PDB file of N, CA and C in Angstrom:
ATOM      1  N   MET A   1       1.289 -12.386  -1.241  1.00  0.00           N
ATOM      2  CA  MET A   1       0.186 -11.934  -0.166  1.00  0.00           C
ATOM      3  C   MET A   1      -0.210 -10.995  -0.029  1.00  0.00           C
ATOM      4  N   ALA A   2      -1.571  -9.989   0.023  1.00  0.00           N
ATOM      5  CA  ALA A   2      -1.604  -8.978  -0.076  1.00  0.00           C
ATOM      6  C   ALA A   2      -2.974  -8.981   0.876  1.00  0.00           C
ATOM      7  N   THR A   3      -3.000  -7.879   2.142  1.00  0.00           N
ATOM      8  CA  THR A   3      -4.430  -7.751   3.128  1.00  0.00           C
ATOM      9  C   THR A   3      -4.744  -6.406   3.458  1.00  0.00           C
ATOM     10  N   ALA A   4      -5.755  -5.941   3.185  1.00  0.00           N
ATOM     11  CA  ALA A   4      -6.228  -4.659   3.800  1.00  0.00           C
ATOM     12  C   ALA A   4      -6.706  -4.576   5.328  1.00  0.00           C
ATOM     13  N   ASN A   5      -6.484  -5.934   6.176  1.00  0.00           N
ATOM     14  CA  ASN A   5      -7.011  -5.821   7.461  1.00  0.00           C
ATOM     15  C   ASN A   5      -6.008  -4.811   8.457  1.00  0.00           C
ATOM     16  N   PRO A   6      -6.514  -4.159   8.827  1.00  0.00           N
ATOM     17  CA  PRO A   6      -5.903  -3.272   9.955  1.00  0.00           C
ATOM     18  C   PRO A   6      -5.679  -3.676  11.101  1.00  0.00           C
ATOM     19  N   GLU A   7      -6.235  -4.908  11.604  1.00  0.00           N
ATOM     20  CA  GLU A   7      -6.401  -5.568  12.783  1.00  0.00           C
ATOM     21  C   GLU A   7      -5.045  -6.638  12.646  1.00  0.00           C
ATOM     22  N   SER A   8      -4.583  -7.060  11.561  1.00  0.00           N
ATOM     23  CA  SER A   8      -3.238  -7.871  11.465  1.00  0.00           C
ATOM     24  C   SER A   8      -2.246  -7.142  12.663  1.00  0.00           C
ATOM     25  N   SER A   9      -1.788  -8.273  13.252  1.00  0.00           N
ATOM     26  CA  SER A   9      -0.289  -7.934  14.003  1.00  0.00           C
ATOM     27  C   SER A   9       0.680  -7.779  13.511  1.00  0.00           C
ATOM     28  N   GLU A  10       1.617  -6.707  13.998  1.00  0.00           N
ATOM     29  CA  GLU A  10       2.504  -6.300  13.652  1.00  0.00           C
ATOM     30  C   GLU A  10       3.502  -7.282  13.860  1.00  0.00           C
ATOM     31  N   ARG A  11       4.527  -7.283  12.770  1.00  0.00           N
ATOM     32  CA  ARG A  11       5.374  -8.359  13.128  1.00  0.00           C
ATOM     33  C   ARG A  11       6.545  -8.046  14.552  1.00  0.00           C
ATOM     34  N   ALA A  12       7.267  -9.026  15.210  1.00  0.00           N
ATOM     35  CA  ALA A  12       7.910  -9.029  16.257  1.00  0.00           C
ATOM     36  C   ALA A  12       9.188  -8.428  15.831  1.00  0.00           C
ATOM     37  N   VAL A  13       9.625  -8.630  14.688  1.00  0.00           N
ATOM     38  CA  VAL A  13      11.297  -8.208  14.497  1.00  0.00           C
ATOM     39  C   VAL A  13      10.687  -6.578  13.598  1.00  0.00           C
ATOM     40  N   ALA A  14      12.444  -6.121  13.830  1.00  0.00           N
ATOM     41  CA  ALA A  14      12.677  -4.790  13.382  1.00  0.00           C
ATOM     42  C   ALA A  14      12.544  -5.230  11.835  1.00  0.00           C
ATOM     43  N   PRO A  15      11.966  -4.124  11.456  1.00  0.00           N
ATOM     44  CA  PRO A  15      12.035  -3.976   9.785  1.00  0.00           C
ATOM     45  C   PRO A  15      13.438  -4.054   9.352  1.00  0.00           C
ATOM     46  N   LYS A  16      13.980  -4.608   8.199  1.00  0.00           N
ATOM     47  CA  LYS A  16      15.230  -4.685   7.289  1.00  0.00           C
ATOM     48  C   LYS A  16      15.306  -3.060   7.066  1.00  0.00           C
ATOM     49  N   HIS A  17      13.971  -2.567   6.367  1.00  0.00           N
ATOM     50  CA  HIS A  17      13.973  -1.048   5.787  1.00  0.00           C
ATOM     51  C   HIS A  17      12.636  -0.557   6.054  1.00  0.00           C
ATOM     52  N   GLU A  18      12.697   0.830   6.608  1.00  0.00           N
ATOM     53  CA  GLU A  18      11.701   1.672   6.566  1.00  0.00           C
ATOM     54  C   GLU A  18      11.964   3.055   6.057  1.00  0.00           C
ATOM     55  N   ALA A  19      10.729   3.398   5.134  1.00  0.00           N
ATOM     56  CA  ALA A  19      10.892   4.556   4.691  1.00  0.00           C
ATOM     57  C   ALA A  19       9.219   5.365   4.898  1.00  0.00           C
ATOM     58  N   TYR A  20       9.256   6.668   4.509  1.00  0.00           N
ATOM     59  CA  TYR A  20       8.123   7.062   4.465  1.00  0.00           C
ATOM     60  C   TYR A  20       7.781   8.038   3.372  1.00  0.00           C
ATOM     61  N   HIS A  21       6.429   7.930   3.153  1.00  0.00           N
ATOM     62  CA  HIS A  21       5.877   8.227   1.717  1.00  0.00           C
ATOM     63  C   HIS A  21       5.215   9.842   2.272  1.00  0.00           C
ATOM     64  N   ASP A  22       6.393  10.765   1.626  1.00  0.00           N
ATOM     65  CA  ASP A  22       5.440  12.207   1.681  1.00  0.00           C
ATOM     66  C   ASP A  22       4.012  12.133   0.755  1.00  0.00           C
ATOM     67  N   PRO A  23       3.013  12.584   1.110  1.00  0.00           N
ATOM     68  CA  PRO A  23       1.604  12.519   0.287  1.00  0.00           C
ATOM     69  C   PRO A  23       1.598  13.663  -0.091  1.00  0.00           C
ATOM     70  N   ASP A  24       2.593  14.778   0.047  1.00  0.00           N
ATOM     71  CA  ASP A  24       2.351  16.059  -0.531  1.00  0.00           C
ATOM     72  C   ASP A  24       3.637  16.104  -1.046  1.00  0.00           C
ATOM     73  N   GLY A  25       4.417  15.200  -1.696  1.00  0.00           N
ATOM     74  CA  GLY A  25       5.772  15.593  -2.229  1.00  0.00           C
ATOM     75  C   GLY A  25       4.919  15.073  -3.904  1.00  0.00           C
ATOM     76  N   ASP A  26       6.275  14.975  -4.683  1.00  0.00           N
ATOM     77  CA  ASP A  26       6.068  14.960  -6.203  1.00  0.00           C
ATOM     78  C   ASP A  26       6.125  13.200  -6.450  1.00  0.00           C
ATOM     79  N   ALA A  27       6.380  12.454  -5.710  1.00  0.00           N
ATOM     80  CA  ALA A  27       6.772  11.085  -5.958  1.00  0.00           C
ATOM     81  C   ALA A  27       5.216  10.394  -5.646  1.00  0.00           C
ATOM     82  N   ALA A  28       5.343   9.305  -6.245  1.00  0.00           N
ATOM     83  CA  ALA A  28       4.290   8.170  -6.290  1.00  0.00           C
ATOM     84  C   ALA A  28       4.733   7.381  -5.090  1.00  0.00           C
ATOM     85  N   LEU A  29       3.521   6.794  -4.562  1.00  0.00           N
ATOM     86  CA  LEU A  29       3.608   5.716  -3.539  1.00  0.00           C
ATOM     87  C   LEU A  29       4.534   4.912  -4.257  1.00  0.00           C
ATOM     88  N   SER A  30       4.239   3.898  -5.228  1.00  0.00           N
ATOM     89  CA  SER A  30       4.745   3.012  -5.846  1.00  0.00           C
ATOM     90  C   SER A  30       6.516   3.224  -5.961  1.00  0.00           C
ATOM     91  N   THR A  31       6.760   4.521  -6.113  1.00  0.00           N
ATOM     92  CA  THR A  31       8.159   4.940  -6.187  1.00  0.00           C
ATOM     93  C   THR A  31       8.848   4.816  -5.114  1.00  0.00           C
ATOM     94  N   THR A  32       8.052   5.323  -3.993  1.00  0.00           N
ATOM     95  CA  THR A  32       8.762   5.010  -2.388  1.00  0.00           C
ATOM     96  C   THR A  32       8.801   3.329  -1.845  1.00  0.00           C
ATOM     97  N   VAL A  33       8.133   3.079  -2.842  1.00  0.00           N
ATOM     98  CA  VAL A  33       8.051   1.417  -2.122  1.00  0.00           C
ATOM     99  C   VAL A  33       9.108   0.837  -3.028  1.00  0.00           C
ATOM    100  N   ILE A  34       9.223   0.913  -4.257  1.00  0.00           N
ATOM    101  CA  ILE A  34      10.548   0.393  -4.972  1.00  0.00           C
ATOM    102  C   ILE A  34      11.784   1.040  -4.231  1.00  0.00           C
ATOM    103  N   ASN A  35      12.017   2.158  -4.084  1.00  0.00           N
ATOM    104  CA  ASN A  35      13.103   2.718  -3.301  1.00  0.00           C
ATOM    105  C   ASN A  35      13.541   1.984  -2.102  1.00  0.00           C
ATOM    106  N   ALA A  36      12.315   1.835  -1.385  1.00  0.00           N
ATOM    107  CA  ALA A  36      12.381   1.062  -0.242  1.00  0.00           C
ATOM    108  C   ALA A  36      12.678  -0.511  -0.213  1.00  0.00           C
ATOM    109  N   VAL A  37      12.296  -1.360  -1.319  1.00  0.00           N
ATOM    110  CA  VAL A  37      12.507  -2.574  -1.741  1.00  0.00           C
ATOM    111  C   VAL A  37      14.197  -2.610  -1.894  1.00  0.00           C
ATOM    112  N   ALA A  38      14.569  -1.695  -3.077  1.00  0.00           N
ATOM    113  CA  ALA A  38      15.747  -1.496  -3.174  1.00  0.00           C
ATOM    114  C   ALA A  38      16.797  -1.300  -1.927  1.00  0.00           C
ATOM    115  N   ALA A  39      16.504  -0.610  -1.271  1.00  0.00           N
ATOM    116  CA  ALA A  39      17.310  -0.165  -0.402  1.00  0.00           C
ATOM    117  C   ALA A  39      17.257  -1.233   0.640  1.00  0.00           C
ATOM    118  N   ALA A  40      16.290  -2.303   1.085  1.00  0.00           N
ATOM    119  CA  ALA A  40      16.473  -3.460   1.773  1.00  0.00           C
ATOM    120  C   ALA A  40      17.096  -4.632   1.183  1.00  0.00           C
ATOM    121  N   GLU A  41      17.292  -4.688  -0.095  1.00  0.00           N
ATOM    122  CA  GLU A  41      17.989  -5.582  -0.964  1.00  0.00           C
ATOM    123  C   GLU A  41      19.223  -5.299  -1.319  1.00  0.00           C
ATOM    124  N   GLY A  42      19.806  -3.637  -1.419  1.00  0.00           N
ATOM    125  CA  GLY A  42      20.995  -3.147  -1.197  1.00  0.00           C
ATOM    126  C   GLY A  42      21.234  -3.173  -2.766  1.00  0.00           C
ATOM    127  N   VAL A  43      20.503  -3.022  -3.715  1.00  0.00           N
ATOM    128  CA  VAL A  43      20.588  -3.078  -4.769  1.00  0.00           C
ATOM    129  C   VAL A  43      19.978  -1.355  -5.534  1.00  0.00           C
ATOM    130  N   ASP A  44      20.175  -0.851  -6.773  1.00  0.00           N
ATOM    131  CA  ASP A  44      19.882   0.314  -7.163  1.00  0.00           C
ATOM    132  C   ASP A  44      18.417   0.073  -7.395  1.00  0.00           C
ATOM    133  N   PRO A  45      17.637   0.817  -7.240  1.00  0.00           N
ATOM    134  CA  PRO A  45      16.110   1.010  -8.025  1.00  0.00           C
ATOM    135  C   PRO A  45      15.663   0.678  -9.013  1.00  0.00           C
ATOM    136  N   THR A  46      16.619   0.918 -10.053  1.00  0.00           N
ATOM    137  CA  THR A  46      16.265   0.127 -11.412  1.00  0.00           C
ATOM    138  C   THR A  46      16.778  -0.853 -11.684  1.00  0.00           C
ATOM    139  N   HIS A  47      17.291  -1.848 -10.743  1.00  0.00           N
ATOM    140  CA  HIS A  47      17.881  -2.953 -10.885  1.00  0.00           C
ATOM    141  C   HIS A  47      16.783  -4.053 -11.379  1.00  0.00           C
ATOM    142  N   ARG A  48      16.886  -4.737 -12.566  1.00  0.00           N
ATOM    143  CA  ARG A  48      15.838  -5.443 -13.551  1.00  0.00           C
ATOM    144  C   ARG A  48      15.193  -6.483 -12.570  1.00  0.00           C
ATOM    145  N   ASN A  49      16.173  -7.154 -11.490  1.00  0.00           N
ATOM    146  CA  ASN A  49      15.611  -8.321 -10.634  1.00  0.00           C
ATOM    147  C   ASN A  49      14.603  -8.016  -9.598  1.00  0.00           C
ATOM    148  N   LEU A  50      14.587  -6.578  -9.334  1.00  0.00           N
ATOM    149  CA  LEU A  50      13.283  -6.339  -8.396  1.00  0.00           C
ATOM    150  C   LEU A  50      11.853  -6.757  -8.862  1.00  0.00           C
ATOM    151  N   GLN A  51      11.503  -6.682 -10.011  1.00  0.00           N
ATOM    152  CA  GLN A  51      10.363  -7.217 -10.258  1.00  0.00           C
ATOM    153  C   GLN A  51       9.097  -6.956  -9.700  1.00  0.00           C
ATOM    154  N   LEU A  52       8.883  -6.093  -9.344  1.00  0.00           N
ATOM    155  CA  LEU A  52       8.132  -5.916  -8.360  1.00  0.00           C
ATOM    156  C   LEU A  52       6.413  -5.637  -9.151  1.00  0.00           C
ATOM    157  N   TYR A  53       6.342  -5.029 -10.563  1.00  0.00           N
ATOM    158  CA  TYR A  53       4.982  -5.630 -11.049  1.00  0.00           C
ATOM    159  C   TYR A  53       4.769  -7.118 -11.374  1.00  0.00           C
ATOM    160  N   ASP A  54       5.495  -8.038 -10.972  1.00  0.00           N
ATOM    161  CA  ASP A  54       5.055  -9.493 -10.960  1.00  0.00           C
ATOM    162  C   ASP A  54       4.599  -9.707  -9.609  1.00  0.00           C
ATOM    163  N   ALA A  55       4.645  -9.042  -8.333  1.00  0.00           N
ATOM    164  CA  ALA A  55       4.114  -9.148  -7.235  1.00  0.00           C
ATOM    165  C   ALA A  55       2.886  -8.250  -6.876  1.00  0.00           C
ATOM    166  N   LEU A  56       2.735  -6.894  -7.822  1.00  0.00           N
ATOM    167  CA  LEU A  56       1.759  -5.999  -7.367  1.00  0.00           C
ATOM    168  C   LEU A  56       1.444  -5.442  -8.241  1.00  0.00           C
ATOM    169  N   ASP A  57       0.212  -5.001  -8.493  1.00  0.00           N
ATOM    170  CA  ASP A  57      -0.207  -3.994  -9.282  1.00  0.00           C
ATOM    171  C   ASP A  57       0.463  -2.207  -8.735  1.00  0.00           C
ATOM    172  N   LEU A  58       1.212  -1.774  -9.182  1.00  0.00           N
ATOM    173  CA  LEU A  58       1.802  -0.496  -8.495  1.00  0.00           C
ATOM    174  C   LEU A  58       0.825   0.648  -8.975  1.00  0.00           C
ATOM    175  N   GLU A  59       0.437   0.633  -9.783  1.00  0.00           N
ATOM    176  CA  GLU A  59      -0.798   1.546 -10.216  1.00  0.00           C
ATOM    177  C   GLU A  59      -1.894   1.741  -9.237  1.00  0.00           C
ATOM    178  N   ALA A  60      -2.415   0.528  -9.069  1.00  0.00           N
ATOM    179  CA  ALA A  60      -3.388   0.133  -8.204  1.00  0.00           C
ATOM    180  C   ALA A  60      -3.150   0.702  -6.635  1.00  0.00           C
ATOM    181  N   LEU A  61      -1.867   0.373  -6.207  1.00  0.00           N
ATOM    182  CA  LEU A  61      -1.735   0.796  -4.760  1.00  0.00           C
ATOM    183  C   LEU A  61      -1.700   2.509  -4.752  1.00  0.00           C
ATOM    184  N   ASP A  62      -0.696   2.968  -6.178  1.00  0.00           N
ATOM    185  CA  ASP A  62      -1.073   4.388  -6.179  1.00  0.00           C
ATOM    186  C   ASP A  62      -2.267   5.041  -5.755  1.00  0.00           C
ATOM    187  N   SER A  63      -3.165   4.459  -6.707  1.00  0.00           N
ATOM    188  CA  SER A  63      -4.613   5.084  -6.769  1.00  0.00           C
ATOM    189  C   SER A  63      -5.348   4.612  -5.200  1.00  0.00           C
ATOM    190  N   LEU A  64      -4.851   3.627  -4.683  1.00  0.00           N
ATOM    191  CA  LEU A  64      -5.515   3.667  -3.578  1.00  0.00           C
ATOM    192  C   LEU A  64      -4.990   4.276  -2.250  1.00  0.00           C
ATOM    193  N   PHE A  65      -3.571   4.749  -2.494  1.00  0.00           N
ATOM    194  CA  PHE A  65      -3.307   5.913  -1.617  1.00  0.00           C
ATOM    195  C   PHE A  65      -3.764   7.261  -1.549  1.00  0.00           C
ATOM    196  N   GLU A  66      -3.858   7.503  -3.189  1.00  0.00           N
ATOM    197  CA  GLU A  66      -4.518   8.767  -3.642  1.00  0.00           C
ATOM    198  C   GLU A  66      -5.751   8.963  -3.041  1.00  0.00           C
ATOM    199  N   ARG A  67      -6.412   7.935  -3.072  1.00  0.00           N
ATOM    200  CA  ARG A  67      -7.977   8.235  -2.759  1.00  0.00           C
ATOM    201  C   ARG A  67      -8.315   8.133  -1.209  1.00  0.00           C
ATOM    202  N   ARG A  68      -7.250   7.893  -0.454  1.00  0.00           N
ATOM    203  CA  ARG A  68      -7.577   7.509   1.040  1.00  0.00           C
ATOM    204  C   ARG A  68      -7.849   9.259   1.924  1.00  0.00           C
ATOM    205  N   SER A  69      -8.703   9.101   3.074  1.00  0.00           N
ATOM    206  CA  SER A  69      -8.688  10.243   3.524  1.00  0.00           C
ATOM    207  C   SER A  69      -7.373  10.464   4.846  1.00  0.00           C
ATOM    208  N   ARG A  70      -7.250  11.164   5.100  1.00  0.00           N
ATOM    209  CA  ARG A  70      -6.068  11.338   5.831  1.00  0.00           C
ATOM    210  C   ARG A  70      -6.000  11.011   7.468  1.00  0.00           C
ATOM    211  N   GLY A  71      -7.291  10.433   7.698  1.00  0.00           N
ATOM    212  CA  GLY A  71      -7.560   9.670   9.020  1.00  0.00           C
ATOM    213  C   GLY A  71      -7.365   8.116   8.563  1.00  0.00           C
ATOM    214  N   ASP A  72      -7.298   7.953   7.497  1.00  0.00           N
ATOM    215  CA  ASP A  72      -7.569   6.335   7.333  1.00  0.00           C
ATOM    216  C   ASP A  72      -6.576   5.308   7.876  1.00  0.00           C
ATOM    217  N   HIS A  73      -7.050   4.294   8.423  1.00  0.00           N
ATOM    218  CA  HIS A  73      -6.264   3.578   8.963  1.00  0.00           C
ATOM    219  C   HIS A  73      -6.244   2.071   8.202  1.00  0.00           C
ATOM    220  N   TRP A  74      -5.469   1.668   7.387  1.00  0.00           N
ATOM    221  CA  TRP A  74      -5.310   0.867   6.792  1.00  0.00           C
ATOM    222  C   TRP A  74      -3.808   0.341   6.405  1.00  0.00           C
ATOM    223  N   ARG A  75      -3.725  -0.801   6.221  1.00  0.00           N
ATOM    224  CA  ARG A  75      -2.201  -1.337   5.662  1.00  0.00           C
ATOM    225  C   ARG A  75      -2.316  -2.418   4.683  1.00  0.00           C
ATOM    226  N   PHE A  76      -1.488  -2.408   3.806  1.00  0.00           N
ATOM    227  CA  PHE A  76      -1.508  -3.127   2.822  1.00  0.00           C
ATOM    228  C   PHE A  76      -0.206  -4.075   2.933  1.00  0.00           C
ATOM    229  N   GLU A  77      -0.385  -5.430   2.629  1.00  0.00           N
ATOM    230  CA  GLU A  77       0.978  -6.352   2.880  1.00  0.00           C
ATOM    231  C   GLU A  77       1.063  -7.393   1.940  1.00  0.00           C
ATOM    232  N   PHE A  78       2.581  -7.017   1.338  1.00  0.00           N
ATOM    233  CA  PHE A  78       2.595  -7.904   0.045  1.00  0.00           C
ATOM    234  C   PHE A  78       4.022  -8.686   0.155  1.00  0.00           C
ATOM    235  N   GLY A  79       3.988  -9.661  -0.380  1.00  0.00           N
ATOM    236  CA  GLY A  79       5.819 -10.210  -0.409  1.00  0.00           C
ATOM    237  C   GLY A  79       6.483 -10.279  -1.823  1.00  0.00           C
ATOM    238  N   VAL A  80       7.466 -10.257  -1.909  1.00  0.00           N
ATOM    239  CA  VAL A  80       8.185  -9.869  -3.039  1.00  0.00           C
ATOM    240  C   VAL A  80       9.883 -10.528  -2.883  1.00  0.00           C
ATOM    241  N   HIS A  81      10.345 -11.702  -3.313  1.00  0.00           N
ATOM    242  CA  HIS A  81      11.428 -12.091  -3.043  1.00  0.00           C
ATOM    243  C   HIS A  81      11.248 -12.692  -1.581  1.00  0.00           C
ATOM    244  N   ASP A  82      12.237 -12.595  -1.020  1.00  0.00           N
ATOM    245  CA  ASP A  82      12.090 -13.130   0.380  1.00  0.00           C
ATOM    246  C   ASP A  82      12.106 -11.994   1.351  1.00  0.00           C
ATOM    247  N   LEU A  83      11.160 -11.129   0.536  1.00  0.00           N
ATOM    248  CA  LEU A  83      10.603  -9.970   1.571  1.00  0.00           C
ATOM    249  C   LEU A  83       8.777  -9.708   1.808  1.00  0.00           C
ATOM    250  N   VAL A  84       8.855  -9.375   3.058  1.00  0.00           N
ATOM    251  CA  VAL A  84       7.413  -8.631   3.003  1.00  0.00           C
ATOM    252  C   VAL A  84       7.325  -7.518   3.478  1.00  0.00           C
ATOM    253  N   VAL A  85       6.546  -6.323   2.438  1.00  0.00           N
ATOM    254  CA  VAL A  85       6.553  -4.886   2.370  1.00  0.00           C
ATOM    255  C   VAL A  85       5.264  -4.770   3.193  1.00  0.00           C
ATOM    256  N   VAL A  86       5.169  -4.177   3.938  1.00  0.00           N
ATOM    257  CA  VAL A  86       4.166  -3.285   4.492  1.00  0.00           C
ATOM    258  C   VAL A  86       3.792  -2.091   4.569  1.00  0.00           C
ATOM    259  N   VAL A  87       2.786  -1.523   3.809  1.00  0.00           N
ATOM    260  CA  VAL A  87       2.660   0.025   3.482  1.00  0.00           C
ATOM    261  C   VAL A  87       0.923   0.030   4.326  1.00  0.00           C
ATOM    262  N   HIS A  88       1.531   1.393   5.131  1.00  0.00           N
ATOM    263  CA  HIS A  88       0.146   1.914   5.835  1.00  0.00           C
ATOM    264  C   HIS A  88      -0.277   3.118   5.422  1.00  0.00           C
ATOM    265  N   GLY A  89      -1.560   3.294   5.969  1.00  0.00           N
ATOM    266  CA  GLY A  89      -2.369   4.321   5.049  1.00  0.00           C
ATOM    267  C   GLY A  89      -1.721   5.851   5.098  1.00  0.00           C
ATOM    268  N   ASP A  90      -0.758   5.895   6.428  1.00  0.00           N
ATOM    269  CA  ASP A  90      -0.270   7.149   6.990  1.00  0.00           C
ATOM    270  C   ASP A  90       1.062   7.371   6.014  1.00  0.00           C
ATOM    271  N   GLY A  91       1.597   6.426   5.279  1.00  0.00           N
ATOM    272  CA  GLY A  91       2.911   6.592   4.286  1.00  0.00           C
ATOM    273  C   GLY A  91       3.897   5.942   4.637  1.00  0.00           C
ATOM    274  N   CYS A  92       3.791   5.273   6.118  1.00  0.00           N
ATOM    275  CA  CYS A  92       5.003   4.398   6.406  1.00  0.00           C
ATOM    276  C   CYS A  92       4.988   3.309   5.530  1.00  0.00           C
ATOM    277  N   ILE A  93       6.082   2.790   5.365  1.00  0.00           N
ATOM    278  CA  ILE A  93       6.518   1.612   4.768  1.00  0.00           C
ATOM    279  C   ILE A  93       7.703   0.675   5.574  1.00  0.00           C
ATOM    280  N   ALA A  94       7.364  -0.369   5.762  1.00  0.00           N
ATOM    281  CA  ALA A  94       8.288  -1.306   6.316  1.00  0.00           C
ATOM    282  C   ALA A  94       8.381  -2.344   5.903  1.00  0.00           C
ATOM    283  N   VAL A  95       9.662  -3.025   5.468  1.00  0.00           N
ATOM    284  CA  VAL A  95      10.253  -3.988   4.869  1.00  0.00           C
ATOM    285  C   VAL A  95      10.883  -4.989   5.702  1.00  0.00           C
ATOM    286  N   TYR A  96      10.236  -6.181   5.466  1.00  0.00           N
ATOM    287  CA  TYR A  96      10.820  -7.338   6.499  1.00  0.00           C
ATOM    288  C   TYR A  96      11.330  -8.172   5.843  1.00  0.00           C
ATOM    289  N   ASP A  97      12.134  -9.121   6.321  1.00  0.00           N
ATOM    290  CA  ASP A  97      12.895 -10.487   6.002  1.00  0.00           C
ATOM    291  C   ASP A  97      11.761 -11.340   5.851  1.00  0.00           C
ATOM    292  N   ASP A  98      11.489 -12.209   5.017  1.00  0.00           N
ATOM    293  CA  ASP A  98      10.641 -13.289   5.421  1.00  0.00           C
ATOM    294  C   ASP A  98      11.257 -14.722   5.366  1.00  0.00           C
ATOM    295  N   ARG A  99      12.053 -14.782   6.137  1.00  0.00           N
ATOM    296  CA  ARG A  99      12.923 -15.961   6.147  1.00  0.00           C
ATOM    297  C   ARG A  99      12.518 -16.291   7.728  1.00  0.00           C
TER     298      ARG A  99
END
């Protein structure tokens, strides 16, 4: 599931893990997302079962983030395994249980 609808309501539960992507840092947004999902699952980011490429085109996500304006208000949501990942245009990444 993916959405770019900024009017979607936030989840009422606390995220399992939160991270913030530094737009001025060296890491790509996709790297921060991979690390956030790995932390939420309690595995190493290189763990082969993460399989984020099956859920999302990470290069497209990087491109979307790179082309945004600093004041853009958008969010992108997708599901992977039993998790829902919400990426906000300001770099905030929240990972929720989807149970």
